[in-house]
Amino acid sequence: VYKIDSLVLENGKIYGKNYVLGKMGLRTPSMQTY
């Protein structure tokens, strides 16, 4: 289990960080596995 404090998005030209977080349902910080 890994603690994820934030999200870094690379090459996101059309869809931004907030879109990605929303579609994934990811909240930071949170504990996650692969």
Full PDB file with SEQRES, HELIX, SHEET, SSBOND, CRYST1, ORIGX, SCALE, CONECT and MASTER records, all heavy atoms in Angstrom:
SEQRES   1 A   34  VAL TYR LYS ILE ASP SER LEU VAL LEU GLU ASN GLY LYS          
SEQRES   2 A   34  ILE TYR GLY LYS ASN TYR VAL LEU GLY LYS MET GLY LEU          
SEQRES   3 A   34  ARG THR PRO SER MET GLN THR TYR                              
HELIX    1 AA1 LYS A   17  MET A   24  1                                   8    
SHEET    1 AA1 2 TYR A   2  ILE A   4  0                                        
SHEET    2 AA1 2 SER A  30  GLN A  32 -1                                        
CRYST1    1.000    1.000    1.000  90.00  90.00  90.00 P 1           1          
ORIGX1      1.000000  0.000000  0.000000        0.00000                         
ORIGX2      0.000000  1.000000  0.000000        0.00000                         
ORIGX3      0.000000  0.000000  1.000000        0.00000                         
SCALE1      1.000000  0.000000  0.000000        0.00000                         
SCALE2      0.000000  1.000000  0.000000        0.00000                         
SCALE3      0.000000  0.000000  1.000000        0.00000                         
ATOM      1  N   VAL A   1       0.849  -1.185   0.000  1.00  0.00           N  
ATOM      2  CA  VAL A   1       0.000   0.000   0.000  1.00  0.00           C  
ATOM      3  C   VAL A   1       0.888   1.239   0.000  1.00  0.00           C  
ATOM      4  O   VAL A   1       1.856   1.323   0.749  1.00  0.00           O  
ATOM      5  CB  VAL A   1      -0.934   0.007   1.227  1.00  0.00           C  
ATOM      6  CG1 VAL A   1      -1.803   1.254   1.244  1.00  0.00           C  
ATOM      7  CG2 VAL A   1      -1.806  -1.249   1.228  1.00  0.00           C  
ATOM      8  N   TYR A   2       0.559   2.200  -0.882  1.00  0.00           N  
ATOM      9  CA  TYR A   2       1.351   3.410  -1.013  1.00  0.00           C  
ATOM     10  C   TYR A   2       0.488   4.628  -0.714  1.00  0.00           C  
ATOM     11  O   TYR A   2      -0.682   4.688  -1.120  1.00  0.00           O  
ATOM     12  CB  TYR A   2       1.909   3.546  -2.440  1.00  0.00           C  
ATOM     13  CG  TYR A   2       2.733   2.368  -2.892  1.00  0.00           C  
ATOM     14  CD1 TYR A   2       2.135   1.256  -3.481  1.00  0.00           C  
ATOM     15  CD2 TYR A   2       4.112   2.364  -2.728  1.00  0.00           C  
ATOM     16  CE1 TYR A   2       2.890   0.175  -3.899  1.00  0.00           C  
ATOM     17  CE2 TYR A   2       4.877   1.283  -3.154  1.00  0.00           C  
ATOM     18  CZ  TYR A   2       4.257   0.190  -3.731  1.00  0.00           C  
ATOM     19  OH  TYR A   2       5.003  -0.880  -4.145  1.00  0.00           O  
ATOM     20  N   LYS A   3       1.063   5.590  -0.035  1.00  0.00           N  
ATOM     21  CA  LYS A   3       0.375   6.853   0.154  1.00  0.00           C  
ATOM     22  C   LYS A   3       0.648   7.737  -1.060  1.00  0.00           C  
ATOM     23  O   LYS A   3       1.798   7.936  -1.451  1.00  0.00           O  
ATOM     24  CB  LYS A   3       0.866   7.562   1.420  1.00  0.00           C  
ATOM     25  CG  LYS A   3       0.117   8.862   1.698  1.00  0.00           C  
ATOM     26  CD  LYS A   3       0.676   9.590   2.910  1.00  0.00           C  
ATOM     27  CE  LYS A   3      -0.091  10.891   3.138  1.00  0.00           C  
ATOM     28  NZ  LYS A   3       0.501  11.708   4.218  1.00  0.00           N  
ATOM     29  N   ILE A   4      -0.430   8.244  -1.660  1.00  0.00           N  
ATOM     30  CA  ILE A   4      -0.306   9.139  -2.816  1.00  0.00           C  
ATOM     31  C   ILE A   4      -0.753  10.527  -2.384  1.00  0.00           C  
ATOM     32  O   ILE A   4      -1.916  10.739  -2.044  1.00  0.00           O  
ATOM     33  CB  ILE A   4      -1.138   8.621  -4.009  1.00  0.00           C  
ATOM     34  CG1 ILE A   4      -0.564   7.281  -4.484  1.00  0.00           C  
ATOM     35  CG2 ILE A   4      -1.141   9.637  -5.147  1.00  0.00           C  
ATOM     36  CD1 ILE A   4      -1.310   6.654  -5.624  1.00  0.00           C  
ATOM     37  N   ASP A   5       0.186  11.461  -2.395  1.00  0.00           N  
ATOM     38  CA  ASP A   5      -0.091  12.823  -1.935  1.00  0.00           C  
ATOM     39  C   ASP A   5      -0.620  13.727  -3.034  1.00  0.00           C  
ATOM     40  O   ASP A   5      -1.355  14.678  -2.756  1.00  0.00           O  
ATOM     41  CB  ASP A   5       1.190  13.447  -1.344  1.00  0.00           C  
ATOM     42  CG  ASP A   5       1.678  12.685  -0.115  1.00  0.00           C  
ATOM     43  OD1 ASP A   5       0.895  12.556   0.831  1.00  0.00           O  
ATOM     44  OD2 ASP A   5       2.832  12.214  -0.128  1.00  0.00           O  
ATOM     45  N   SER A   6      -0.247  13.449  -4.288  1.00  0.00           N  
ATOM     46  CA  SER A   6      -0.672  14.337  -5.366  1.00  0.00           C  
ATOM     47  C   SER A   6      -0.591  13.610  -6.703  1.00  0.00           C  
ATOM     48  O   SER A   6      -0.079  12.483  -6.795  1.00  0.00           O  
ATOM     49  CB  SER A   6       0.204  15.595  -5.410  1.00  0.00           C  
ATOM     50  OG  SER A   6       1.568  15.246  -5.632  1.00  0.00           O  
ATOM     51  N   LEU A   7      -1.101  14.274  -7.736  1.00  0.00           N  
ATOM     52  CA  LEU A   7      -1.079  13.743  -9.089  1.00  0.00           C  
ATOM     53  C   LEU A   7      -0.259  14.670  -9.986  1.00  0.00           C  
ATOM     54  O   LEU A   7      -0.420  15.887  -9.944  1.00  0.00           O  
ATOM     55  CB  LEU A   7      -2.508  13.641  -9.642  1.00  0.00           C  
ATOM     56  CG  LEU A   7      -2.643  13.271 -11.124  1.00  0.00           C  
ATOM     57  CD1 LEU A   7      -2.305  11.806 -11.340  1.00  0.00           C  
ATOM     58  CD2 LEU A   7      -4.039  13.579 -11.645  1.00  0.00           C  
ATOM     59  N   VAL A   8       0.631  14.074 -10.784  1.00  0.00           N  
ATOM     60  CA  VAL A   8       1.380  14.823 -11.792  1.00  0.00           C  
ATOM     61  C   VAL A   8       0.964  14.289 -13.153  1.00  0.00           C  
ATOM     62  O   VAL A   8       1.079  13.086 -13.426  1.00  0.00           O  
ATOM     63  CB  VAL A   8       2.907  14.667 -11.593  1.00  0.00           C  
ATOM     64  CG1 VAL A   8       3.655  15.313 -12.750  1.00  0.00           C  
ATOM     65  CG2 VAL A   8       3.334  15.275 -10.269  1.00  0.00           C  
ATOM     66  N   LEU A   9       0.439  15.156 -14.016  1.00  0.00           N  
ATOM     67  CA  LEU A   9      -0.048  14.763 -15.340  1.00  0.00           C  
ATOM     68  C   LEU A   9       0.918  15.249 -16.411  1.00  0.00           C  
ATOM     69  O   LEU A   9       1.257  16.432 -16.460  1.00  0.00           O  
ATOM     70  CB  LEU A   9      -1.445  15.358 -15.575  1.00  0.00           C  
ATOM     71  CG  LEU A   9      -2.085  15.082 -16.936  1.00  0.00           C  
ATOM     72  CD1 LEU A   9      -2.359  13.589 -17.110  1.00  0.00           C  
ATOM     73  CD2 LEU A   9      -3.370  15.894 -17.100  1.00  0.00           C  
ATOM     74  N   GLU A  10       1.353  14.333 -17.277  1.00  0.00           N  
ATOM     75  CA  GLU A  10       2.256  14.688 -18.375  1.00  0.00           C  
ATOM     76  C   GLU A  10       1.555  14.503 -19.717  1.00  0.00           C  
ATOM     77  O   GLU A  10       0.853  13.520 -19.927  1.00  0.00           O  
ATOM     78  CB  GLU A  10       3.528  13.829 -18.326  1.00  0.00           C  
ATOM     79  CG  GLU A  10       4.393  14.085 -17.099  1.00  0.00           C  
ATOM     80  CD  GLU A  10       5.703  13.316 -17.127  1.00  0.00           C  
ATOM     81  OE1 GLU A  10       5.902  12.522 -18.077  1.00  0.00           O  
ATOM     82  OE2 GLU A  10       6.521  13.515 -16.219  1.00  0.00           O  
ATOM     83  N   ASN A  11       1.747  15.452 -20.626  1.00  0.00           N  
ATOM     84  CA  ASN A  11       1.224  15.428 -21.997  1.00  0.00           C  
ATOM     85  C   ASN A  11      -0.282  15.639 -22.069  1.00  0.00           C  
ATOM     86  O   ASN A  11      -0.899  15.347 -23.105  1.00  0.00           O  
ATOM     87  CB  ASN A  11       1.589  14.122 -22.724  1.00  0.00           C  
ATOM     88  CG  ASN A  11       3.074  13.868 -22.744  1.00  0.00           C  
ATOM     89  OD1 ASN A  11       3.867  14.799 -22.822  1.00  0.00           O  
ATOM     90  ND2 ASN A  11       3.468  12.610 -22.659  1.00  0.00           N  
ATOM     91  N   GLY A  12      -0.900  16.113 -20.994  1.00  0.00           N  
ATOM     92  CA  GLY A  12      -2.335  16.381 -21.005  1.00  0.00           C  
ATOM     93  C   GLY A  12      -2.631  17.725 -21.659  1.00  0.00           C  
ATOM     94  O   GLY A  12      -2.662  18.750 -20.979  1.00  0.00           O  
ATOM     95  N   LYS A  13      -2.863  17.719 -22.971  1.00  0.00           N  
ATOM     96  CA  LYS A  13      -3.068  18.969 -23.715  1.00  0.00           C  
ATOM     97  C   LYS A  13      -4.546  19.346 -23.807  1.00  0.00           C  
ATOM     98  O   LYS A  13      -4.903  20.512 -23.761  1.00  0.00           O  
ATOM     99  CB  LYS A  13      -2.472  18.842 -25.118  1.00  0.00           C  
ATOM    100  CG  LYS A  13      -0.971  18.573 -25.117  1.00  0.00           C  
ATOM    101  CD  LYS A  13      -0.451  18.328 -26.521  1.00  0.00           C  
ATOM    102  CE  LYS A  13       1.045  18.003 -26.490  1.00  0.00           C  
ATOM    103  NZ  LYS A  13       1.559  17.687 -27.856  1.00  0.00           N  
ATOM    104  N   ILE A  14      -5.416  18.355 -23.948  1.00  0.00           N  
ATOM    105  CA  ILE A  14      -6.849  18.624 -24.096  1.00  0.00           C  
ATOM    106  C   ILE A  14      -7.564  18.506 -22.749  1.00  0.00           C  
ATOM    107  O   ILE A  14      -8.393  19.347 -22.394  1.00  0.00           O  
ATOM    108  CB  ILE A  14      -7.486  17.652 -25.114  1.00  0.00           C  
ATOM    109  CG1 ILE A  14      -6.782  17.777 -26.482  1.00  0.00           C  
ATOM    110  CG2 ILE A  14      -8.981  17.915 -25.261  1.00  0.00           C  
ATOM    111  CD1 ILE A  14      -7.250  16.758 -27.505  1.00  0.00           C  
ATOM    112  N   TYR A  15      -7.243  17.460 -22.000  1.00  0.00           N  
ATOM    113  CA  TYR A  15      -7.912  17.189 -20.731  1.00  0.00           C  
ATOM    114  C   TYR A  15      -6.932  17.420 -19.590  1.00  0.00           C  
ATOM    115  O   TYR A  15      -5.858  16.822 -19.541  1.00  0.00           O  
ATOM    116  CB  TYR A  15      -8.443  15.748 -20.709  1.00  0.00           C  
ATOM    117  CG  TYR A  15      -9.332  15.448 -21.891  1.00  0.00           C  
ATOM    118  CD1 TYR A  15      -8.819  14.813 -23.018  1.00  0.00           C  
ATOM    119  CD2 TYR A  15     -10.666  15.832 -21.889  1.00  0.00           C  
ATOM    120  CE1 TYR A  15      -9.618  14.553 -24.112  1.00  0.00           C  
ATOM    121  CE2 TYR A  15     -11.480  15.577 -22.981  1.00  0.00           C  
ATOM    122  CZ  TYR A  15     -10.952  14.942 -24.098  1.00  0.00           C  
ATOM    123  OH  TYR A  15     -11.752  14.687 -25.176  1.00  0.00           O  
ATOM    124  N   GLY A  16      -7.327  18.282 -18.657  1.00  0.00           N  
ATOM    125  CA  GLY A  16      -6.437  18.692 -17.588  1.00  0.00           C  
ATOM    126  C   GLY A  16      -6.458  17.792 -16.376  1.00  0.00           C  
ATOM    127  O   GLY A  16      -7.129  16.756 -16.327  1.00  0.00           O  
ATOM    128  N   LYS A  17      -5.742  18.229 -15.365  1.00  0.00           N  
ATOM    129  CA  LYS A  17      -5.550  17.461 -14.139  1.00  0.00           C  
ATOM    130  C   LYS A  17      -6.864  17.213 -13.406  1.00  0.00           C  
ATOM    131  O   LYS A  17      -7.117  16.102 -12.929  1.00  0.00           O  
ATOM    132  CB  LYS A  17      -4.556  18.199 -13.252  1.00  0.00           C  
ATOM    133  CG  LYS A  17      -4.250  17.523 -11.931  1.00  0.00           C  
ATOM    134  CD  LYS A  17      -3.197  18.334 -11.181  1.00  0.00           C  
ATOM    135  CE  LYS A  17      -2.959  17.768  -9.787  1.00  0.00           C  
ATOM    136  NZ  LYS A  17      -1.930  18.539  -9.061  1.00  0.00           N  
ATOM    137  N   ASN A  18      -7.723  18.220 -13.323  1.00  0.00           N  
ATOM    138  CA  ASN A  18      -8.991  18.060 -12.606  1.00  0.00           C  
ATOM    139  C   ASN A  18      -9.902  17.049 -13.302  1.00  0.00           C  
ATOM    140  O   ASN A  18     -10.605  16.278 -12.644  1.00  0.00           O  
ATOM    141  CB  ASN A  18      -9.701  19.403 -12.476  1.00  0.00           C  
ATOM    142  CG  ASN A  18      -8.990  20.331 -11.498  1.00  0.00           C  
ATOM    143  OD1 ASN A  18      -8.273  19.864 -10.609  1.00  0.00           O  
ATOM    144  ND2 ASN A  18      -9.179  21.631 -11.659  1.00  0.00           N  
ATOM    145  N   TYR A  19      -9.889  17.057 -14.648  1.00  0.00           N  
ATOM    146  CA  TYR A  19     -10.668  16.079 -15.411  1.00  0.00           C  
ATOM    147  C   TYR A  19     -10.195  14.662 -15.095  1.00  0.00           C  
ATOM    148  O   TYR A  19     -10.994  13.758 -14.846  1.00  0.00           O  
ATOM    149  CB  TYR A  19     -10.527  16.358 -16.903  1.00  0.00           C  
ATOM    150  CG  TYR A  19     -11.182  15.335 -17.801  1.00  0.00           C  
ATOM    151  CD1 TYR A  19     -12.514  15.435 -18.150  1.00  0.00           C  
ATOM    152  CD2 TYR A  19     -10.447  14.254 -18.301  1.00  0.00           C  
ATOM    153  CE1 TYR A  19     -13.119  14.492 -18.974  1.00  0.00           C  
ATOM    154  CE2 TYR A  19     -11.031  13.304 -19.123  1.00  0.00           C  
ATOM    155  CZ  TYR A  19     -12.371  13.435 -19.456  1.00  0.00           C  
ATOM    156  OH  TYR A  19     -12.961  12.484 -20.257  1.00  0.00           O  
ATOM    157  N   VAL A  20      -8.878  14.490 -15.081  1.00  0.00           N  
ATOM    158  CA  VAL A  20      -8.298  13.165 -14.825  1.00  0.00           C  
ATOM    159  C   VAL A  20      -8.643  12.687 -13.417  1.00  0.00           C  
ATOM    160  O   VAL A  20      -9.068  11.541 -13.212  1.00  0.00           O  
ATOM    161  CB  VAL A  20      -6.767  13.205 -15.033  1.00  0.00           C  
ATOM    162  CG1 VAL A  20      -6.118  11.924 -14.533  1.00  0.00           C  
ATOM    163  CG2 VAL A  20      -6.443  13.434 -16.503  1.00  0.00           C  
ATOM    164  N   LEU A  21      -8.479  13.556 -12.435  1.00  0.00           N  
ATOM    165  CA  LEU A  21      -8.812  13.201 -11.052  1.00  0.00           C  
ATOM    166  C   LEU A  21     -10.272  12.801 -10.928  1.00  0.00           C  
ATOM    167  O   LEU A  21     -10.617  11.819 -10.253  1.00  0.00           O  
ATOM    168  CB  LEU A  21      -8.500  14.365 -10.115  1.00  0.00           C  
ATOM    169  CG  LEU A  21      -7.028  14.617  -9.788  1.00  0.00           C  
ATOM    170  CD1 LEU A  21      -6.860  15.966  -9.095  1.00  0.00           C  
ATOM    171  CD2 LEU A  21      -6.461  13.501  -8.916  1.00  0.00           C  
ATOM    172  N   GLY A  22     -11.155  13.569 -11.598  1.00  0.00           N  
ATOM    173  CA  GLY A  22     -12.584  13.286 -11.512  1.00  0.00           C  
ATOM    174  C   GLY A  22     -12.955  11.963 -12.152  1.00  0.00           C  
ATOM    175  O   GLY A  22     -13.715  11.171 -11.575  1.00  0.00           O  
ATOM    176  N   LYS A  23     -12.448  11.696 -13.340  1.00  0.00           N  
ATOM    177  CA  LYS A  23     -12.775  10.449 -14.037  1.00  0.00           C  
ATOM    178  C   LYS A  23     -12.209   9.230 -13.299  1.00  0.00           C  
ATOM    179  O   LYS A  23     -12.811   8.157 -13.293  1.00  0.00           O  
ATOM    180  CB  LYS A  23     -12.240  10.485 -15.465  1.00  0.00           C  
ATOM    181  CG  LYS A  23     -12.990  11.446 -16.377  1.00  0.00           C  
ATOM    182  CD  LYS A  23     -14.452  11.063 -16.504  1.00  0.00           C  
ATOM    183  CE  LYS A  23     -15.215  12.016 -17.410  1.00  0.00           C  
ATOM    184  NZ  LYS A  23     -16.655  11.676 -17.475  1.00  0.00           N  
ATOM    185  N   MET A  24     -11.039   9.388 -12.697  1.00  0.00           N  
ATOM    186  CA  MET A  24     -10.439   8.279 -11.946  1.00  0.00           C  
ATOM    187  C   MET A  24     -11.116   8.069 -10.593  1.00  0.00           C  
ATOM    188  O   MET A  24     -11.082   6.979 -10.048  1.00  0.00           O  
ATOM    189  CB  MET A  24      -8.939   8.541 -11.736  1.00  0.00           C  
ATOM    190  CG  MET A  24      -8.097   8.441 -12.977  1.00  0.00           C  
ATOM    191  SD  MET A  24      -6.356   8.846 -12.642  1.00  0.00           S  
ATOM    192  CE  MET A  24      -5.919   7.578 -11.434  1.00  0.00           C  
ATOM    193  N   GLY A  25     -11.708   9.133 -10.071  1.00  0.00           N  
ATOM    194  CA  GLY A  25     -12.256   9.048  -8.720  1.00  0.00           C  
ATOM    195  C   GLY A  25     -11.150   9.022  -7.674  1.00  0.00           C  
ATOM    196  O   GLY A  25     -11.300   8.418  -6.609  1.00  0.00           O  
ATOM    197  N   LEU A  26     -10.045   9.695  -7.977  1.00  0.00           N  
ATOM    198  CA  LEU A  26      -8.894   9.689  -7.071  1.00  0.00           C  
ATOM    199  C   LEU A  26      -8.924  10.919  -6.178  1.00  0.00           C  
ATOM    200  O   LEU A  26      -9.053  12.052  -6.653  1.00  0.00           O  
ATOM    201  CB  LEU A  26      -7.586   9.679  -7.876  1.00  0.00           C  
ATOM    202  CG  LEU A  26      -6.286   9.838  -7.072  1.00  0.00           C  
ATOM    203  CD1 LEU A  26      -6.105   8.658  -6.117  1.00  0.00           C  
ATOM    204  CD2 LEU A  26      -5.090   9.975  -8.004  1.00  0.00           C  
ATOM    205  N   ARG A  27      -8.807  10.674  -4.878  1.00  0.00           N  
ATOM    206  CA  ARG A  27      -8.674  11.773  -3.927  1.00  0.00           C  
ATOM    207  C   ARG A  27      -7.278  11.734  -3.330  1.00  0.00           C  
ATOM    208  O   ARG A  27      -6.749  10.657  -3.053  1.00  0.00           O  
ATOM    209  CB  ARG A  27      -9.723  11.654  -2.815  1.00  0.00           C  
ATOM    210  CG  ARG A  27     -11.163  11.842  -3.312  1.00  0.00           C  
ATOM    211  CD  ARG A  27     -12.135  11.832  -2.155  1.00  0.00           C  
ATOM    212  NE  ARG A  27     -13.495  12.061  -2.609  1.00  0.00           N  
ATOM    213  CZ  ARG A  27     -14.542  12.161  -1.792  1.00  0.00           C  
ATOM    214  NH1 ARG A  27     -14.361  12.048  -0.476  1.00  0.00           N  
ATOM    215  NH2 ARG A  27     -15.761  12.365  -2.279  1.00  0.00           N  
ATOM    216  N   THR A  28      -6.707  12.892  -3.189  1.00  0.00           N  
ATOM    217  CA  THR A  28      -5.364  12.959  -2.593  1.00  0.00           C  
ATOM    218  C   THR A  28      -5.409  13.837  -1.349  1.00  0.00           C  
ATOM    219  O   THR A  28      -6.119  14.845  -1.316  1.00  0.00           O  
ATOM    220  CB  THR A  28      -4.359  13.556  -3.598  1.00  0.00           C  
ATOM    221  OG1 THR A  28      -4.815  14.837  -4.037  1.00  0.00           O  
ATOM    222  CG2 THR A  28      -4.186  12.645  -4.789  1.00  0.00           C  
ATOM    223  N   PRO A  29      -4.659  13.456  -0.310  1.00  0.00           N  
ATOM    224  CA  PRO A  29      -3.867  12.221  -0.205  1.00  0.00           C  
ATOM    225  C   PRO A  29      -4.762  11.015   0.073  1.00  0.00           C  
ATOM    226  O   PRO A  29      -5.836  11.151   0.654  1.00  0.00           O  
ATOM    227  CB  PRO A  29      -2.938  12.521   0.974  1.00  0.00           C  
ATOM    228  CG  PRO A  29      -3.722  13.453   1.829  1.00  0.00           C  
ATOM    229  CD  PRO A  29      -4.519  14.308   0.893  1.00  0.00           C  
ATOM    230  N   SER A  30      -4.300   9.843  -0.340  1.00  0.00           N  
ATOM    231  CA  SER A  30      -5.018   8.593  -0.066  1.00  0.00           C  
ATOM    232  C   SER A  30      -4.043   7.425  -0.152  1.00  0.00           C  
ATOM    233  O   SER A  30      -2.947   7.558  -0.693  1.00  0.00           O  
ATOM    234  CB  SER A  30      -6.170   8.399  -1.047  1.00  0.00           C  
ATOM    235  OG  SER A  30      -5.686   8.282  -2.373  1.00  0.00           O  
ATOM    236  N   MET A  31      -4.460   6.280   0.376  1.00  0.00           N  
ATOM    237  CA  MET A  31      -3.642   5.060   0.343  1.00  0.00           C  
ATOM    238  C   MET A  31      -4.118   4.196  -0.822  1.00  0.00           C  
ATOM    239  O   MET A  31      -5.319   3.927  -0.947  1.00  0.00           O  
ATOM    240  CB  MET A  31      -3.749   4.299   1.665  1.00  0.00           C  
ATOM    241  CG  MET A  31      -3.414   5.132   2.904  1.00  0.00           C  
ATOM    242  SD  MET A  31      -1.733   5.783   2.907  1.00  0.00           S  
ATOM    243  CE  MET A  31      -0.791   4.270   3.119  1.00  0.00           C  
ATOM    244  N   GLN A  32      -3.189   3.764  -1.651  1.00  0.00           N  
ATOM    245  CA  GLN A  32      -3.546   2.995  -2.842  1.00  0.00           C  
ATOM    246  C   GLN A  32      -2.570   1.840  -3.048  1.00  0.00           C  
ATOM    247  O   GLN A  32      -1.437   1.878  -2.571  1.00  0.00           O  
ATOM    248  CB  GLN A  32      -3.521   3.894  -4.091  1.00  0.00           C  
ATOM    249  CG  GLN A  32      -4.419   5.117  -4.026  1.00  0.00           C  
ATOM    250  CD  GLN A  32      -5.887   4.786  -4.040  1.00  0.00           C  
ATOM    251  OE1 GLN A  32      -6.292   3.682  -4.431  1.00  0.00           O  
ATOM    252  NE2 GLN A  32      -6.717   5.734  -3.615  1.00  0.00           N  
ATOM    253  N   THR A  33      -3.038   0.819  -3.771  1.00  0.00           N  
ATOM    254  CA  THR A  33      -2.167  -0.255  -4.253  1.00  0.00           C  
ATOM    255  C   THR A  33      -2.066  -0.125  -5.774  1.00  0.00           C  
ATOM    256  O   THR A  33      -2.828   0.632  -6.397  1.00  0.00           O  
ATOM    257  CB  THR A  33      -2.728  -1.646  -3.922  1.00  0.00           C  
ATOM    258  OG1 THR A  33      -3.962  -1.828  -4.654  1.00  0.00           O  
ATOM    259  CG2 THR A  33      -2.997  -1.787  -2.433  1.00  0.00           C  
ATOM    260  N   TYR A  34      -1.154  -0.873  -6.383  1.00  0.00           N  
ATOM    261  CA  TYR A  34      -1.078  -0.859  -7.844  1.00  0.00           C  
ATOM    262  C   TYR A  34      -2.380  -1.383  -8.444  1.00  0.00           C  
ATOM    263  O   TYR A  34      -2.824  -0.923  -9.500  1.00  0.00           O  
ATOM    264  CB  TYR A  34       0.111  -1.700  -8.321  1.00  0.00           C  
ATOM    265  CG  TYR A  34       1.389  -0.905  -8.416  1.00  0.00           C  
ATOM    266  CD1 TYR A  34       2.210  -0.743  -7.309  1.00  0.00           C  
ATOM    267  CD2 TYR A  34       1.767  -0.294  -9.606  1.00  0.00           C  
ATOM    268  CE1 TYR A  34       3.383  -0.006  -7.388  1.00  0.00           C  
ATOM    269  CE2 TYR A  34       2.943   0.444  -9.699  1.00  0.00           C  
ATOM    270  CZ  TYR A  34       3.741   0.587  -8.584  1.00  0.00           C  
ATOM    271  OH  TYR A  34       4.893   1.326  -8.668  1.00  0.00           O  
TER     272      TYR A  34                                                      
MASTER        0    0    0    1    2    0    0    6  271    1    0    3          
END                                                                             
